């Protein structure tokens, strides 16, 4: 489900609740003036956008209209080799394991980046 970037301000207001703008901005890691501008509908720069999304605990992909990393991870790697006499069964299995190991490493790296 994609959200328009204008909804970012609404989410800030909701998360902030009765908390002051300065305290909320400090939690988010941005200036109070910047958080106030975004809350009032201004579109932030990319670095500010990332900080606010982390603070809101929302995936930035919902605003960008791209598939999130979580949804990409749901798709398993599929390994298929054409049967050629030049590739032994052992080689094909080894290559398949290598590809699957690379996918697992990529997923682990994405998980670390989200933290």
N, C-alpha and C. Protein backbone atom coordinates (compact mmCIF):
# COMPACT_ATOMS: atom_id res chain seq x y z
N UNK A 1 0.85 -1.17 0.00
CA UNK A 1 0.00 0.00 0.00
C UNK A 1 0.89 1.23 0.00
N UNK A 2 0.80 2.05 -1.02
CA UNK A 2 1.60 3.27 -1.12
C UNK A 2 0.87 4.42 -0.45
N UNK A 3 1.66 5.27 0.19
CA UNK A 3 1.13 6.48 0.81
C UNK A 3 1.71 7.70 0.12
N UNK A 4 0.92 8.75 -0.04
CA UNK A 4 1.50 9.97 -0.59
C UNK A 4 2.45 10.60 0.43
N UNK A 5 3.48 11.27 -0.05
CA UNK A 5 4.48 11.86 0.83
C UNK A 5 3.86 12.87 1.79
N UNK A 6 2.73 13.43 1.41
CA UNK A 6 2.04 14.39 2.27
C UNK A 6 1.58 13.74 3.58
N UNK A 7 1.40 12.43 3.57
CA UNK A 7 0.98 11.72 4.79
C UNK A 7 2.09 11.63 5.83
N UNK A 8 3.31 11.96 5.44
CA UNK A 8 4.42 11.94 6.38
C UNK A 8 4.14 12.90 7.54
N UNK A 9 3.63 14.08 7.23
CA UNK A 9 3.30 15.06 8.26
C UNK A 9 2.23 14.55 9.22
N UNK A 10 1.24 13.88 8.68
CA UNK A 10 0.17 13.33 9.51
C UNK A 10 0.71 12.26 10.46
N UNK A 11 1.63 11.44 9.96
CA UNK A 11 2.23 10.41 10.80
C UNK A 11 3.10 11.03 11.90
N UNK A 12 3.79 12.11 11.58
CA UNK A 12 4.59 12.80 12.58
C UNK A 12 3.69 13.33 13.69
N UNK A 13 2.60 13.98 13.30
CA UNK A 13 1.65 14.53 14.27
C UNK A 13 1.11 13.43 15.17
N UNK A 14 0.76 12.30 14.57
CA UNK A 14 0.21 11.18 15.34
C UNK A 14 1.25 10.63 16.32
N UNK A 15 2.48 10.42 15.86
CA UNK A 15 3.51 9.87 16.75
C UNK A 15 3.88 10.85 17.85
N UNK A 16 3.93 12.12 17.49
CA UNK A 16 4.33 13.14 18.45
C UNK A 16 3.30 13.29 19.56
N UNK A 17 2.03 13.15 19.23
CA UNK A 17 0.96 13.26 20.22
C UNK A 17 1.06 14.57 20.97
N UNK A 18 1.11 14.50 22.29
CA UNK A 18 1.19 15.71 23.11
C UNK A 18 2.64 16.10 23.39
N UNK A 19 3.57 15.34 22.87
CA UNK A 19 4.99 15.63 23.06
C UNK A 19 5.36 16.91 22.30
N UNK A 20 6.19 17.71 22.87
CA UNK A 20 6.62 18.94 22.21
C UNK A 20 7.45 18.67 20.97
N UNK A 21 7.47 19.66 20.08
CA UNK A 21 8.20 19.50 18.82
C UNK A 21 9.70 19.33 19.07
N UNK A 22 10.25 20.02 20.06
CA UNK A 22 11.69 19.91 20.33
C UNK A 22 12.06 18.50 20.81
N UNK A 23 11.27 17.94 21.71
CA UNK A 23 11.55 16.59 22.22
C UNK A 23 11.42 15.57 21.10
N UNK A 24 10.39 15.70 20.29
CA UNK A 24 10.18 14.76 19.18
C UNK A 24 11.31 14.87 18.17
N UNK A 25 11.73 16.09 17.87
CA UNK A 25 12.82 16.31 16.91
C UNK A 25 14.12 15.71 17.43
N UNK A 26 14.36 15.85 18.73
CA UNK A 26 15.57 15.28 19.32
C UNK A 26 15.56 13.76 19.19
N UNK A 27 14.40 13.15 19.42
CA UNK A 27 14.28 11.69 19.25
C UNK A 27 14.54 11.28 17.81
N UNK A 28 14.03 12.08 16.88
CA UNK A 28 14.16 11.76 15.45
C UNK A 28 15.55 12.07 14.92
N UNK A 29 16.29 12.92 15.63
CA UNK A 29 17.62 13.27 15.17
C UNK A 29 17.65 14.39 14.14
N UNK A 30 16.61 15.24 14.17
CA UNK A 30 16.55 16.39 13.26
C UNK A 30 16.27 17.63 14.07
N UNK A 31 16.41 18.80 13.46
CA UNK A 31 16.12 20.03 14.19
C UNK A 31 14.61 20.19 14.36
N UNK A 32 14.24 20.96 15.37
CA UNK A 32 12.80 21.17 15.61
C UNK A 32 12.17 21.95 14.45
N UNK A 33 12.92 22.88 13.87
CA UNK A 33 12.39 23.64 12.73
C UNK A 33 12.13 22.71 11.54
N UNK A 34 13.05 21.79 11.31
CA UNK A 34 12.89 20.84 10.20
C UNK A 34 11.70 19.93 10.44
N UNK A 35 11.59 19.38 11.64
CA UNK A 35 10.47 18.49 11.93
C UNK A 35 9.15 19.24 11.79
N UNK A 36 9.11 20.47 12.24
CA UNK A 36 7.91 21.29 12.12
C UNK A 36 7.54 21.52 10.66
N UNK A 37 8.54 21.83 9.84
CA UNK A 37 8.26 22.06 8.40
C UNK A 37 7.70 20.80 7.75
N UNK A 38 8.30 19.65 8.05
CA UNK A 38 7.83 18.40 7.46
C UNK A 38 6.42 18.07 7.97
N UNK A 39 6.21 18.31 9.24
CA UNK A 39 4.89 18.07 9.83
C UNK A 39 3.82 18.93 9.15
N UNK A 40 4.23 20.11 8.70
CA UNK A 40 3.30 21.04 8.04
C UNK A 40 3.23 20.86 6.53
N UNK A 41 3.81 19.76 6.02
CA UNK A 41 3.62 19.43 4.62
C UNK A 41 4.79 19.64 3.70
N UNK A 42 5.90 20.18 4.18
CA UNK A 42 7.07 20.33 3.32
C UNK A 42 7.76 18.98 3.14
N UNK A 43 8.30 18.77 1.97
CA UNK A 43 8.97 17.51 1.66
C UNK A 43 10.43 17.62 2.12
N UNK A 44 10.88 16.68 2.94
CA UNK A 44 12.26 16.75 3.47
C UNK A 44 13.29 16.28 2.45
N UNK A 45 14.56 16.61 2.73
CA UNK A 45 15.63 16.05 1.91
C UNK A 45 15.77 14.56 2.26
N UNK A 46 16.57 13.87 1.50
CA UNK A 46 16.66 12.42 1.65
C UNK A 46 17.18 11.98 3.02
N UNK A 47 18.20 12.66 3.53
CA UNK A 47 18.75 12.28 4.83
C UNK A 47 17.73 12.48 5.94
N UNK A 48 17.02 13.61 5.89
CA UNK A 48 15.98 13.89 6.89
C UNK A 48 14.84 12.89 6.76
N UNK A 49 14.47 12.60 5.53
CA UNK A 49 13.41 11.62 5.27
C UNK A 49 13.76 10.27 5.91
N UNK A 50 15.00 9.84 5.74
CA UNK A 50 15.44 8.56 6.31
C UNK A 50 15.37 8.59 7.83
N UNK A 51 15.83 9.66 8.45
CA UNK A 51 15.80 9.78 9.92
C UNK A 51 14.37 9.76 10.44
N UNK A 52 13.50 10.49 9.77
CA UNK A 52 12.10 10.56 10.21
C UNK A 52 11.42 9.20 10.05
N UNK A 53 11.69 8.52 8.95
CA UNK A 53 11.10 7.18 8.75
C UNK A 53 11.57 6.21 9.82
N UNK A 54 12.86 6.28 10.19
CA UNK A 54 13.36 5.42 11.28
C UNK A 54 12.65 5.75 12.58
N UNK A 55 12.51 7.03 12.86
CA UNK A 55 11.83 7.45 14.10
C UNK A 55 10.37 7.01 14.10
N UNK A 56 9.72 7.12 12.96
CA UNK A 56 8.32 6.71 12.84
C UNK A 56 8.17 5.18 12.79
N UNK A 57 9.30 4.50 12.55
CA UNK A 57 9.30 3.04 12.38
C UNK A 57 8.42 2.61 11.21
N UNK A 58 8.60 3.34 10.09
CA UNK A 58 7.89 2.99 8.86
C UNK A 58 8.91 2.75 7.76
N UNK A 59 8.56 1.89 6.85
CA UNK A 59 9.42 1.58 5.72
C UNK A 59 9.30 2.72 4.71
N UNK A 60 10.41 3.38 4.35
CA UNK A 60 10.35 4.48 3.39
C UNK A 60 9.73 4.07 2.06
N UNK A 61 9.79 2.80 1.74
CA UNK A 61 9.25 2.32 0.47
C UNK A 61 7.76 2.61 0.32
N UNK A 62 7.04 2.74 1.43
CA UNK A 62 5.59 3.00 1.31
C UNK A 62 5.33 4.38 0.73
N UNK A 63 6.27 5.29 0.86
CA UNK A 63 6.12 6.62 0.28
C UNK A 63 6.72 6.71 -1.12
N UNK A 64 7.65 5.84 -1.42
CA UNK A 64 8.39 5.92 -2.68
C UNK A 64 7.76 5.10 -3.80
N UNK A 65 6.79 4.28 -3.45
CA UNK A 65 6.13 3.47 -4.47
C UNK A 65 7.01 2.36 -5.02
N UNK A 66 7.95 1.88 -4.19
CA UNK A 66 8.80 0.77 -4.59
C UNK A 66 8.52 -0.41 -3.68
N UNK A 67 8.93 -1.56 -4.15
CA UNK A 67 8.74 -2.77 -3.35
C UNK A 67 9.71 -2.74 -2.18
N UNK A 68 9.21 -2.99 -0.99
CA UNK A 68 10.06 -2.96 0.19
C UNK A 68 11.00 -4.14 0.22
N UNK A 69 12.05 -4.00 0.99
CA UNK A 69 13.03 -5.08 1.12
C UNK A 69 12.37 -6.32 1.71
N UNK A 70 11.40 -6.13 2.63
CA UNK A 70 10.71 -7.27 3.22
C UNK A 70 10.00 -8.09 2.15
N UNK A 71 9.35 -7.41 1.24
CA UNK A 71 8.63 -8.14 0.20
C UNK A 71 9.58 -8.81 -0.76
N UNK A 72 10.75 -8.20 -1.00
CA UNK A 72 11.73 -8.83 -1.86
C UNK A 72 12.26 -10.10 -1.23
N UNK A 73 12.42 -10.09 0.09
CA UNK A 73 12.95 -11.26 0.79
C UNK A 73 11.98 -12.43 0.74
N UNK A 74 10.70 -12.15 0.56
CA UNK A 74 9.71 -13.23 0.53
C UNK A 74 9.90 -14.11 -0.70
N UNK A 75 10.53 -13.55 -1.73
CA UNK A 75 10.74 -14.33 -2.94
C UNK A 75 12.01 -15.15 -2.79
N UNK A 76 11.87 -16.46 -2.79
CA UNK A 76 13.07 -17.28 -2.63
C UNK A 76 13.89 -17.29 -3.92
N UNK A 77 15.16 -17.53 -3.75
CA UNK A 77 16.02 -17.68 -4.92
C UNK A 77 15.68 -19.00 -5.60
N UNK A 78 15.65 -18.97 -6.89
CA UNK A 78 15.38 -20.18 -7.65
C UNK A 78 16.60 -20.43 -8.53
N UNK A 79 17.10 -21.61 -8.47
CA UNK A 79 18.28 -21.95 -9.24
C UNK A 79 17.89 -23.00 -10.26
N UNK A 80 18.21 -22.72 -11.51
CA UNK A 80 17.90 -23.67 -12.58
C UNK A 80 19.04 -23.63 -13.58
N UNK A 81 19.55 -24.76 -13.91
CA UNK A 81 20.60 -24.86 -14.91
C UNK A 81 20.10 -25.73 -16.05
N UNK A 82 20.42 -25.32 -17.25
CA UNK A 82 20.12 -26.17 -18.39
C UNK A 82 21.01 -27.40 -18.33
N UNK A 83 20.44 -28.46 -18.76
CA UNK A 83 21.24 -29.69 -18.73
C UNK A 83 22.24 -29.65 -19.88
N UNK A 84 23.48 -29.56 -19.48
CA UNK A 84 24.56 -29.60 -20.46
C UNK A 84 25.53 -30.68 -20.02
N UNK A 85 26.09 -31.33 -20.97
CA UNK A 85 27.04 -32.39 -20.64
C UNK A 85 28.32 -31.82 -20.06
N UNK A 86 28.56 -30.52 -20.27
CA UNK A 86 29.80 -29.92 -19.76
C UNK A 86 29.72 -29.59 -18.28
N UNK A 87 28.51 -29.56 -17.71
CA UNK A 87 28.34 -29.24 -16.29
C UNK A 87 27.92 -30.51 -15.56
N UNK A 88 28.75 -30.93 -14.63
CA UNK A 88 28.41 -32.14 -13.88
C UNK A 88 27.33 -31.81 -12.85
N UNK A 89 26.69 -32.84 -12.38
CA UNK A 89 25.66 -32.67 -11.36
C UNK A 89 26.25 -32.03 -10.10
N UNK A 90 27.45 -32.43 -9.73
CA UNK A 90 28.10 -31.88 -8.55
C UNK A 90 28.39 -30.39 -8.72
N UNK A 91 28.83 -30.00 -9.92
CA UNK A 91 29.11 -28.59 -10.19
C UNK A 91 27.82 -27.78 -10.11
N UNK A 92 26.76 -28.30 -10.71
CA UNK A 92 25.48 -27.59 -10.69
C UNK A 92 24.98 -27.43 -9.25
N UNK A 93 25.10 -28.47 -8.43
CA UNK A 93 24.67 -28.38 -7.04
C UNK A 93 25.52 -27.39 -6.25
N UNK A 94 26.81 -27.38 -6.52
CA UNK A 94 27.71 -26.44 -5.84
C UNK A 94 27.37 -25.00 -6.21
N UNK A 95 27.12 -24.77 -7.48
CA UNK A 95 26.74 -23.42 -7.92
C UNK A 95 25.41 -22.99 -7.31
N UNK A 96 24.47 -23.91 -7.23
CA UNK A 96 23.18 -23.61 -6.62
C UNK A 96 23.36 -23.23 -5.16
N UNK A 97 24.17 -23.97 -4.42
CA UNK A 97 24.43 -23.66 -3.02
C UNK A 97 25.11 -22.30 -2.87
N UNK A 98 26.02 -21.98 -3.78
CA UNK A 98 26.70 -20.69 -3.76
C UNK A 98 25.70 -19.55 -3.95
N UNK A 99 24.80 -19.70 -4.88
CA UNK A 99 23.78 -18.67 -5.14
C UNK A 99 22.87 -18.51 -3.93
N UNK A 100 22.45 -19.61 -3.35
CA UNK A 100 21.57 -19.54 -2.18
C UNK A 100 22.31 -18.93 -0.98
N UNK A 101 23.58 -19.23 -0.80
CA UNK A 101 24.37 -18.65 0.28
C UNK A 101 24.50 -17.14 0.09
N UNK A 102 24.68 -16.71 -1.15
CA UNK A 102 24.76 -15.28 -1.44
C UNK A 102 23.45 -14.58 -1.10
N UNK A 103 22.33 -15.22 -1.40
CA UNK A 103 21.04 -14.62 -1.06
C UNK A 103 20.87 -14.52 0.46
N UNK A 104 21.26 -15.55 1.18
CA UNK A 104 21.17 -15.50 2.64
C UNK A 104 22.04 -14.38 3.21
N UNK A 105 23.23 -14.21 2.66
CA UNK A 105 24.13 -13.14 3.12
C UNK A 105 23.53 -11.77 2.82
N UNK A 106 22.92 -11.63 1.66
CA UNK A 106 22.28 -10.37 1.30
C UNK A 106 21.13 -10.06 2.24
N UNK A 107 20.32 -11.05 2.54
CA UNK A 107 19.20 -10.85 3.46
C UNK A 107 19.68 -10.49 4.86
N UNK A 108 20.76 -11.11 5.31
CA UNK A 108 21.32 -10.79 6.62
C UNK A 108 21.84 -9.36 6.65
N UNK A 109 22.48 -8.93 5.57
CA UNK A 109 22.97 -7.55 5.49
C UNK A 109 21.82 -6.56 5.51
N UNK A 110 20.74 -6.85 4.79
CA UNK A 110 19.56 -5.97 4.79
C UNK A 110 18.96 -5.88 6.19
N UNK A 111 18.94 -7.00 6.89
CA UNK A 111 18.41 -7.02 8.26
C UNK A 111 19.25 -6.13 9.18
N UNK A 112 20.58 -6.20 9.04
CA UNK A 112 21.46 -5.36 9.85
C UNK A 112 21.27 -3.89 9.54
N UNK A 113 21.05 -3.57 8.27
CA UNK A 113 20.87 -2.18 7.87
C UNK A 113 19.58 -1.59 8.46
N UNK A 114 18.58 -2.43 8.66
CA UNK A 114 17.30 -1.94 9.19
C UNK A 114 17.38 -1.64 10.68
N UNK A 115 18.36 -2.16 11.37
CA UNK A 115 18.47 -1.97 12.81
C UNK A 115 19.09 -0.67 13.15
